[in-house]
Amino acid sequence: MIARAGGATPFKPPAAARESIQGHYAGFASRFAAFVADVVVLTGIFLLGLAAFNFAVRILTRESVHFDRSNIGVLIAYFAWVFIYFALFWGLNGRTAGGALFGLQVLTDDGDDVSGRRAIVRTVVFPLSFLILGLGFLGILLGDRRRALHDVIAATVVVYSWDARAARLRYLSYSSSPGTRPPGLTPHQPAHLSPQVEEGGQFPGDDMVPPRGQSGPSG
């Protein structure tokens, strides 16, 4: 790369850094990691709420509420909270805490945002994928649209909502070229906010969610 006279070396990330996984159907590993993160988050929130409730009950009645299998009321409250957690966040923007952490978003099978009703349906049928030794999740590994059983029933898909891999490669390319910055960025703008078209956008393929309003292949 030849530097321009009187100017900094123009920034041109490698081809791999211009690739994006945004819009592609999410795979099993990332979805499982997001689910584990969600379980940790929702359980932590529930335990904090239980501790606060236990503290209040202890002050008022001098009795304690313990989170164990013998306390049916606590178990019912926990599963009710699990339902509220997933239905609420999927209905708001298609992202739970785990989904946001790993760049995943739930959409309808034609690429639209998930409605509150569809989020409730997806949450209700979600446990079905765990039945029969988790065979309901085989579609994520074998299907062309990577849909589990609850995705098929609720007519939803899970896609990557940000290009983490490309952002990391762009950052490494930028770090290895001192005095340069990606085109189209101000000095204080993060690299992951650079325009996708300028860095080589991708057209939806078989492993990408179709544009909003267009239906994809059945599966």
C-alpha atoms as a PDB file:
ATOM      1  CA  MET A   1       0.000   0.000   0.000  1.00  0.00           C
ATOM      2  CA  ILE A   2       1.503   3.331  -1.059  1.00  0.00           C
ATOM      3  CA  ALA A   3       1.009   6.332   1.205  1.00  0.00           C
ATOM      4  CA  ARG A   4      -0.281   9.524  -0.345  1.00  0.00           C
ATOM      5  CA  ALA A   5       2.042  12.487  -0.316  1.00  0.00           C
ATOM      6  CA  GLY A   6       1.386  14.673   2.707  1.00  0.00           C
ATOM      7  CA  GLY A   7      -1.316  12.369   4.053  1.00  0.00           C
ATOM      8  CA  ALA A   8      -1.844   9.248   6.066  1.00  0.00           C
ATOM      9  CA  THR A   9      -1.928   5.809   4.548  1.00  0.00           C
ATOM     10  CA  PRO A  10      -5.473   5.122   3.325  1.00  0.00           C
ATOM     11  CA  PHE A  11      -7.266   2.493   5.370  1.00  0.00           C
ATOM     12  CA  LYS A  12      -8.320  -0.638   3.515  1.00  0.00           C
ATOM     13  CA  PRO A  13      -9.230  -3.644   5.664  1.00  0.00           C
ATOM     14  CA  PRO A  14      -8.657  -7.128   4.236  1.00  0.00           C
ATOM     15  CA  ALA A  15     -11.476  -8.936   2.467  1.00  0.00           C
ATOM     16  CA  ALA A  16     -12.222 -11.080   5.524  1.00  0.00           C
ATOM     17  CA  ALA A  17     -12.781  -7.951   7.585  1.00  0.00           C
ATOM     18  CA  ARG A  18     -15.406  -6.754   5.134  1.00  0.00           C
ATOM     19  CA  GLU A  19     -17.480  -9.889   5.564  1.00  0.00           C
ATOM     20  CA  SER A  20     -20.530  -9.742   7.804  1.00  0.00           C
ATOM     21  CA  ILE A  21     -22.594 -12.390   9.550  1.00  0.00           C
ATOM     22  CA  GLN A  22     -25.362  -9.887  10.223  1.00  0.00           C
ATOM     23  CA  GLY A  23     -28.687 -11.302   9.063  1.00  0.00           C
ATOM     24  CA  HIS A  24     -27.444 -14.890   8.877  1.00  0.00           C
ATOM     25  CA  TYR A  25     -29.352 -17.562  10.740  1.00  0.00           C
ATOM     26  CA  ALA A  26     -27.776 -18.180  14.140  1.00  0.00           C
ATOM     27  CA  GLY A  27     -26.142 -21.535  14.829  1.00  0.00           C
ATOM     28  CA  PHE A  28     -26.479 -23.917  17.734  1.00  0.00           C
ATOM     29  CA  ALA A  29     -23.363 -22.832  19.669  1.00  0.00           C
ATOM     30  CA  SER A  30     -24.277 -19.146  19.838  1.00  0.00           C
ATOM     31  CA  ARG A  31     -27.919 -19.897  20.637  1.00  0.00           C
ATOM     32  CA  PHE A  32     -26.959 -22.301  23.415  1.00  0.00           C
ATOM     33  CA  ALA A  33     -24.486 -19.799  24.872  1.00  0.00           C
ATOM     34  CA  ALA A  34     -27.156 -17.095  24.806  1.00  0.00           C
ATOM     35  CA  PHE A  35     -29.623 -19.420  26.547  1.00  0.00           C
ATOM     36  CA  VAL A  36     -27.102 -20.231  29.289  1.00  0.00           C
ATOM     37  CA  ALA A  37     -26.472 -16.514  29.779  1.00  0.00           C
ATOM     38  CA  ASP A  38     -30.224 -15.916  30.007  1.00  0.00           C
ATOM     39  CA  VAL A  39     -30.615 -18.638  32.635  1.00  0.00           C
ATOM     40  CA  VAL A  40     -27.824 -17.076  34.684  1.00  0.00           C
ATOM     41  CA  VAL A  41     -29.319 -13.583  34.386  1.00  0.00           C
ATOM     42  CA  LEU A  42     -32.931 -14.494  35.105  1.00  0.00           C
ATOM     43  CA  THR A  43     -31.972 -16.798  37.979  1.00  0.00           C
ATOM     44  CA  GLY A  44     -29.756 -14.119  39.477  1.00  0.00           C
ATOM     45  CA  ILE A  45     -32.547 -11.544  39.275  1.00  0.00           C
ATOM     46  CA  PHE A  46     -35.004 -14.005  40.803  1.00  0.00           C
ATOM     47  CA  LEU A  47     -32.668 -14.862  43.670  1.00  0.00           C
ATOM     48  CA  LEU A  48     -32.147 -11.184  44.411  1.00  0.00           C
ATOM     49  CA  GLY A  49     -35.888 -10.658  44.446  1.00  0.00           C
ATOM     50  CA  LEU A  50     -36.342 -13.750  46.617  1.00  0.00           C
ATOM     51  CA  ALA A  51     -33.714 -12.488  49.054  1.00  0.00           C
ATOM     52  CA  ALA A  52     -35.475  -9.134  49.302  1.00  0.00           C
ATOM     53  CA  PHE A  53     -38.836 -10.866  49.794  1.00  0.00           C
ATOM     54  CA  ASN A  54     -37.339 -13.229  52.369  1.00  0.00           C
ATOM     55  CA  PHE A  55     -35.857 -10.296  54.249  1.00  0.00           C
ATOM     56  CA  ALA A  56     -39.218  -8.519  54.350  1.00  0.00           C
ATOM     57  CA  VAL A  57     -41.054 -11.684  55.448  1.00  0.00           C
ATOM     58  CA  ARG A  58     -38.473 -12.347  58.148  1.00  0.00           C
ATOM     59  CA  ILE A  59     -38.939  -8.878  59.581  1.00  0.00           C
ATOM     60  CA  LEU A  60     -42.732  -9.079  59.505  1.00  0.00           C
ATOM     61  CA  THR A  61     -43.350 -12.731  60.443  1.00  0.00           C
ATOM     62  CA  ARG A  62     -39.954 -14.072  61.626  1.00  0.00           C
ATOM     63  CA  GLU A  63     -40.232 -16.865  59.054  1.00  0.00           C
ATOM     64  CA  SER A  64     -38.015 -17.569  56.052  1.00  0.00           C
ATOM     65  CA  VAL A  65     -38.711 -18.502  52.440  1.00  0.00           C
ATOM     66  CA  HIS A  66     -36.164 -20.915  50.973  1.00  0.00           C
ATOM     67  CA  PHE A  67     -35.577 -21.661  47.306  1.00  0.00           C
ATOM     68  CA  ASP A  68     -35.701 -25.461  47.208  1.00  0.00           C
ATOM     69  CA  ARG A  69     -37.775 -28.266  45.734  1.00  0.00           C
ATOM     70  CA  SER A  70     -39.909 -28.580  48.838  1.00  0.00           C
ATOM     71  CA  ASN A  71     -41.333 -25.079  48.421  1.00  0.00           C
ATOM     72  CA  ILE A  72     -43.883 -25.341  45.616  1.00  0.00           C
ATOM     73  CA  GLY A  73     -44.797 -21.669  45.826  1.00  0.00           C
ATOM     74  CA  VAL A  74     -41.237 -20.573  45.128  1.00  0.00           C
ATOM     75  CA  LEU A  75     -40.944 -22.978  42.183  1.00  0.00           C
ATOM     76  CA  ILE A  76     -44.190 -21.680  40.697  1.00  0.00           C
ATOM     77  CA  ALA A  77     -42.947 -18.104  41.121  1.00  0.00           C
ATOM     78  CA  TYR A  78     -39.641 -19.013  39.449  1.00  0.00           C
ATOM     79  CA  PHE A  79     -41.229 -20.569  36.366  1.00  0.00           C
ATOM     80  CA  ALA A  80     -43.696 -17.695  36.144  1.00  0.00           C
ATOM     81  CA  TRP A  81     -40.718 -15.332  36.134  1.00  0.00           C
ATOM     82  CA  VAL A  82     -39.016 -17.429  33.428  1.00  0.00           C
ATOM     83  CA  PHE A  83     -42.125 -17.098  31.274  1.00  0.00           C
ATOM     84  CA  ILE A  84     -42.361 -13.335  31.847  1.00  0.00           C
ATOM     85  CA  TYR A  85     -38.648 -12.864  31.125  1.00  0.00           C
ATOM     86  CA  PHE A  86     -38.632 -14.535  27.709  1.00  0.00           C
ATOM     87  CA  ALA A  87     -42.076 -13.387  26.584  1.00  0.00           C
ATOM     88  CA  LEU A  88     -41.375  -9.795  27.594  1.00  0.00           C
ATOM     89  CA  PHE A  89     -37.985  -9.398  25.945  1.00  0.00           C
ATOM     90  CA  TRP A  90     -38.866 -11.353  22.801  1.00  0.00           C
ATOM     91  CA  GLY A  91     -41.981  -9.216  22.457  1.00  0.00           C
ATOM     92  CA  LEU A  92     -40.166  -5.914  23.038  1.00  0.00           C
ATOM     93  CA  ASN A  93     -37.341  -6.157  20.495  1.00  0.00           C
ATOM     94  CA  GLY A  94     -36.613  -9.851  19.923  1.00  0.00           C
ATOM     95  CA  ARG A  95     -33.582  -9.777  22.219  1.00  0.00           C
ATOM     96  CA  THR A  96     -33.087 -11.172  25.685  1.00  0.00           C
ATOM     97  CA  ALA A  97     -30.021 -10.286  27.741  1.00  0.00           C
ATOM     98  CA  GLY A  98     -28.222 -13.363  26.433  1.00  0.00           C
ATOM     99  CA  GLY A  99     -29.317 -12.635  22.888  1.00  0.00           C
ATOM    100  CA  ALA A 100     -28.007  -9.089  23.122  1.00  0.00           C
ATOM    101  CA  LEU A 101     -24.724 -10.354  24.561  1.00  0.00           C
ATOM    102  CA  PHE A 102     -24.140 -12.760  21.671  1.00  0.00           C
ATOM    103  CA  GLY A 103     -25.702 -10.596  18.961  1.00  0.00           C
ATOM    104  CA  LEU A 104     -28.882 -12.635  18.395  1.00  0.00           C
ATOM    105  CA  GLN A 105     -32.386 -11.461  17.570  1.00  0.00           C
ATOM    106  CA  VAL A 106     -35.683 -13.299  17.149  1.00  0.00           C
ATOM    107  CA  LEU A 107     -37.691 -12.320  14.062  1.00  0.00           C
ATOM    108  CA  THR A 108     -40.699 -13.701  12.260  1.00  0.00           C
ATOM    109  CA  ASP A 109     -39.941 -16.135   9.459  1.00  0.00           C
ATOM    110  CA  ASP A 110     -40.469 -13.345   6.907  1.00  0.00           C
ATOM    111  CA  GLY A 111     -38.057 -10.947   8.643  1.00  0.00           C
ATOM    112  CA  ASP A 112     -40.473  -8.755  10.621  1.00  0.00           C
ATOM    113  CA  ASP A 113     -40.317  -7.906  14.322  1.00  0.00           C
ATOM    114  CA  VAL A 114     -41.943 -10.374  16.697  1.00  0.00           C
ATOM    115  CA  SER A 115     -45.306  -9.240  18.056  1.00  0.00           C
ATOM    116  CA  GLY A 116     -46.292  -9.660  21.677  1.00  0.00           C
ATOM    117  CA  ARG A 117     -48.720 -12.450  20.812  1.00  0.00           C
ATOM    118  CA  ARG A 118     -46.104 -14.378  18.839  1.00  0.00           C
ATOM    119  CA  ALA A 119     -43.593 -13.899  21.647  1.00  0.00           C
ATOM    120  CA  ILE A 120     -46.075 -15.465  24.079  1.00  0.00           C
ATOM    121  CA  VAL A 121     -46.687 -18.391  21.719  1.00  0.00           C
ATOM    122  CA  ARG A 122     -42.933 -18.922  21.291  1.00  0.00           C
ATOM    123  CA  THR A 123     -42.449 -18.895  25.062  1.00  0.00           C
ATOM    124  CA  VAL A 124     -45.299 -21.351  25.644  1.00  0.00           C
ATOM    125  CA  VAL A 125     -43.993 -23.880  23.089  1.00  0.00           C
ATOM    126  CA  PHE A 126     -40.309 -23.348  23.968  1.00  0.00           C
ATOM    127  CA  PRO A 127     -40.241 -26.293  26.436  1.00  0.00           C
ATOM    128  CA  LEU A 128     -41.409 -28.644  23.668  1.00  0.00           C
ATOM    129  CA  SER A 129     -37.956 -28.504  22.101  1.00  0.00           C
ATOM    130  CA  PHE A 130     -36.482 -30.024  25.278  1.00  0.00           C
ATOM    131  CA  LEU A 131     -38.756 -33.079  25.150  1.00  0.00           C
ATOM    132  CA  ILE A 132     -37.502 -36.481  23.953  1.00  0.00           C
ATOM    133  CA  LEU A 133     -33.867 -35.761  24.867  1.00  0.00           C
ATOM    134  CA  GLY A 134     -33.866 -32.387  23.154  1.00  0.00           C
ATOM    135  CA  LEU A 135     -34.693 -33.663  19.679  1.00  0.00           C
ATOM    136  CA  GLY A 136     -36.614 -30.458  19.051  1.00  0.00           C
ATOM    137  CA  PHE A 137     -33.281 -28.666  18.652  1.00  0.00           C
ATOM    138  CA  LEU A 138     -32.041 -30.865  15.810  1.00  0.00           C
ATOM    139  CA  GLY A 139     -33.462 -28.422  13.298  1.00  0.00           C
ATOM    140  CA  ILE A 140     -30.831 -25.898  14.360  1.00  0.00           C
ATOM    141  CA  LEU A 141     -28.124 -28.322  13.301  1.00  0.00           C
ATOM    142  CA  LEU A 142     -29.769 -29.869  10.251  1.00  0.00           C
ATOM    143  CA  GLY A 143     -32.236 -27.316   8.893  1.00  0.00           C
ATOM    144  CA  ASP A 144     -31.308 -24.763   6.257  1.00  0.00           C
ATOM    145  CA  ARG A 145     -32.915 -22.009   8.350  1.00  0.00           C
ATOM    146  CA  ARG A 146     -31.609 -23.361  11.676  1.00  0.00           C
ATOM    147  CA  ARG A 147     -34.992 -23.471  13.358  1.00  0.00           C
ATOM    148  CA  ALA A 148     -35.837 -25.485  16.454  1.00  0.00           C
ATOM    149  CA  LEU A 149     -39.267 -27.017  16.996  1.00  0.00           C
ATOM    150  CA  HIS A 150     -40.540 -23.965  18.875  1.00  0.00           C
ATOM    151  CA  ASP A 151     -39.338 -21.736  16.023  1.00  0.00           C
ATOM    152  CA  VAL A 152     -41.337 -23.777  13.513  1.00  0.00           C
ATOM    153  CA  ILE A 153     -44.495 -23.671  15.640  1.00  0.00           C
ATOM    154  CA  ALA A 154     -44.201 -19.947  16.363  1.00  0.00           C
ATOM    155  CA  ALA A 155     -43.047 -19.136  12.789  1.00  0.00           C
ATOM    156  CA  THR A 156     -39.860 -17.419  13.971  1.00  0.00           C
ATOM    157  CA  VAL A 157     -36.159 -17.440  13.148  1.00  0.00           C
ATOM    158  CA  VAL A 158     -33.061 -16.402  15.083  1.00  0.00           C
ATOM    159  CA  VAL A 159     -30.477 -14.282  13.270  1.00  0.00           C
ATOM    160  CA  TYR A 160     -27.252 -12.479  14.070  1.00  0.00           C
ATOM    161  CA  SER A 161     -28.083  -8.829  14.682  1.00  0.00           C
ATOM    162  CA  TRP A 162     -24.522  -7.485  14.616  1.00  0.00           C
ATOM    163  CA  ASP A 163     -21.365  -8.485  12.817  1.00  0.00           C
ATOM    164  CA  ALA A 164     -19.084  -9.242  15.764  1.00  0.00           C
ATOM    165  CA  ARG A 165     -16.547 -11.132  13.672  1.00  0.00           C
ATOM    166  CA  ALA A 166     -16.220  -8.401  11.072  1.00  0.00           C
ATOM    167  CA  ALA A 167     -16.025  -5.709  13.749  1.00  0.00           C
ATOM    168  CA  ARG A 168     -13.178  -7.536  15.467  1.00  0.00           C
ATOM    169  CA  LEU A 169     -11.264  -8.010  12.211  1.00  0.00           C
ATOM    170  CA  ARG A 170     -11.760  -4.349  11.283  1.00  0.00           C
ATOM    171  CA  TYR A 171     -10.448  -3.337  14.685  1.00  0.00           C
ATOM    172  CA  LEU A 172      -7.372  -5.559  14.323  1.00  0.00           C
ATOM    173  CA  SER A 173      -6.729  -4.189  10.838  1.00  0.00           C
ATOM    174  CA  TYR A 174      -7.045  -0.655  12.131  1.00  0.00           C
ATOM    175  CA  SER A 175      -4.764  -1.380  15.103  1.00  0.00           C
ATOM    176  CA  SER A 176      -2.060  -2.756  12.807  1.00  0.00           C
ATOM    177  CA  SER A 177      -2.084   0.450  10.716  1.00  0.00           C
ATOM    178  CA  PRO A 178      -1.156   3.373  13.003  1.00  0.00           C
ATOM    179  CA  GLY A 179      -2.307   6.785  11.882  1.00  0.00           C
ATOM    180  CA  THR A 180      -5.243   5.462   9.852  1.00  0.00           C
ATOM    181  CA  ARG A 181      -8.905   4.917  10.528  1.00  0.00           C
ATOM    182  CA  PRO A 182     -11.718   3.198   8.650  1.00  0.00           C
ATOM    183  CA  PRO A 183     -13.365   5.325   5.967  1.00  0.00           C
ATOM    184  CA  GLY A 184     -16.523   7.146   6.875  1.00  0.00           C
ATOM    185  CA  LEU A 185     -15.732   7.321  10.602  1.00  0.00           C
ATOM    186  CA  THR A 186     -15.196  10.363  12.731  1.00  0.00           C
ATOM    187  CA  PRO A 187     -12.310  10.187  15.222  1.00  0.00           C
ATOM    188  CA  HIS A 188     -14.755   9.365  18.052  1.00  0.00           C
ATOM    189  CA  GLN A 189     -17.022   6.938  16.202  1.00  0.00           C
ATOM    190  CA  PRO A 190     -16.592   3.215  17.041  1.00  0.00           C
ATOM    191  CA  ALA A 191     -15.463   0.983  14.218  1.00  0.00           C
ATOM    192  CA  HIS A 192     -18.512  -1.249  14.445  1.00  0.00           C
ATOM    193  CA  LEU A 193     -20.737   1.682  13.418  1.00  0.00           C
ATOM    194  CA  SER A 194     -19.115   2.077   9.999  1.00  0.00           C
ATOM    195  CA  PRO A 195     -21.423   1.809   6.969  1.00  0.00           C
ATOM    196  CA  GLN A 196     -22.018  -1.762   5.867  1.00  0.00           C
ATOM    197  CA  VAL A 197     -22.396  -0.921   2.192  1.00  0.00           C
ATOM    198  CA  GLU A 198     -19.067   0.867   2.110  1.00  0.00           C
ATOM    199  CA  GLU A 199     -17.301  -2.215   3.437  1.00  0.00           C
ATOM    200  CA  GLY A 200     -18.895  -4.735   1.140  1.00  0.00           C
ATOM    201  CA  GLY A 201     -22.487  -5.654   2.019  1.00  0.00           C
ATOM    202  CA  GLN A 202     -23.962  -9.066   1.334  1.00  0.00           C
ATOM    203  CA  PHE A 203     -27.139 -10.053  -0.408  1.00  0.00           C
ATOM    204  CA  PRO A 204     -29.388 -12.468   1.503  1.00  0.00           C
ATOM    205  CA  GLY A 205     -28.677 -16.091   0.670  1.00  0.00           C
ATOM    206  CA  ASP A 206     -29.996 -19.392   1.932  1.00  0.00           C
ATOM    207  CA  ASP A 207     -28.420 -18.793   5.339  1.00  0.00           C
ATOM    208  CA  MET A 208     -29.721 -15.237   5.714  1.00  0.00           C
ATOM    209  CA  VAL A 209     -33.087 -13.913   6.797  1.00  0.00           C
ATOM    210  CA  PRO A 210     -34.997 -12.348   3.876  1.00  0.00           C
ATOM    211  CA  PRO A 211     -35.611  -8.590   3.804  1.00  0.00           C
ATOM    212  CA  ARG A 212     -38.650  -7.390   5.706  1.00  0.00           C
ATOM    213  CA  GLY A 213     -41.843  -8.134   3.879  1.00  0.00           C
ATOM    214  CA  GLN A 214     -40.381 -10.962   1.774  1.00  0.00           C
ATOM    215  CA  SER A 215     -40.939 -14.582   2.622  1.00  0.00           C
ATOM    216  CA  GLY A 216     -38.060 -17.023   2.718  1.00  0.00           C
ATOM    217  CA  PRO A 217     -38.003 -20.726   1.873  1.00  0.00           C
ATOM    218  CA  SER A 218     -40.200 -22.936   3.969  1.00  0.00           C
ATOM    219  CA  GLY A 219     -38.626 -25.068   6.667  1.00  0.00           C
END
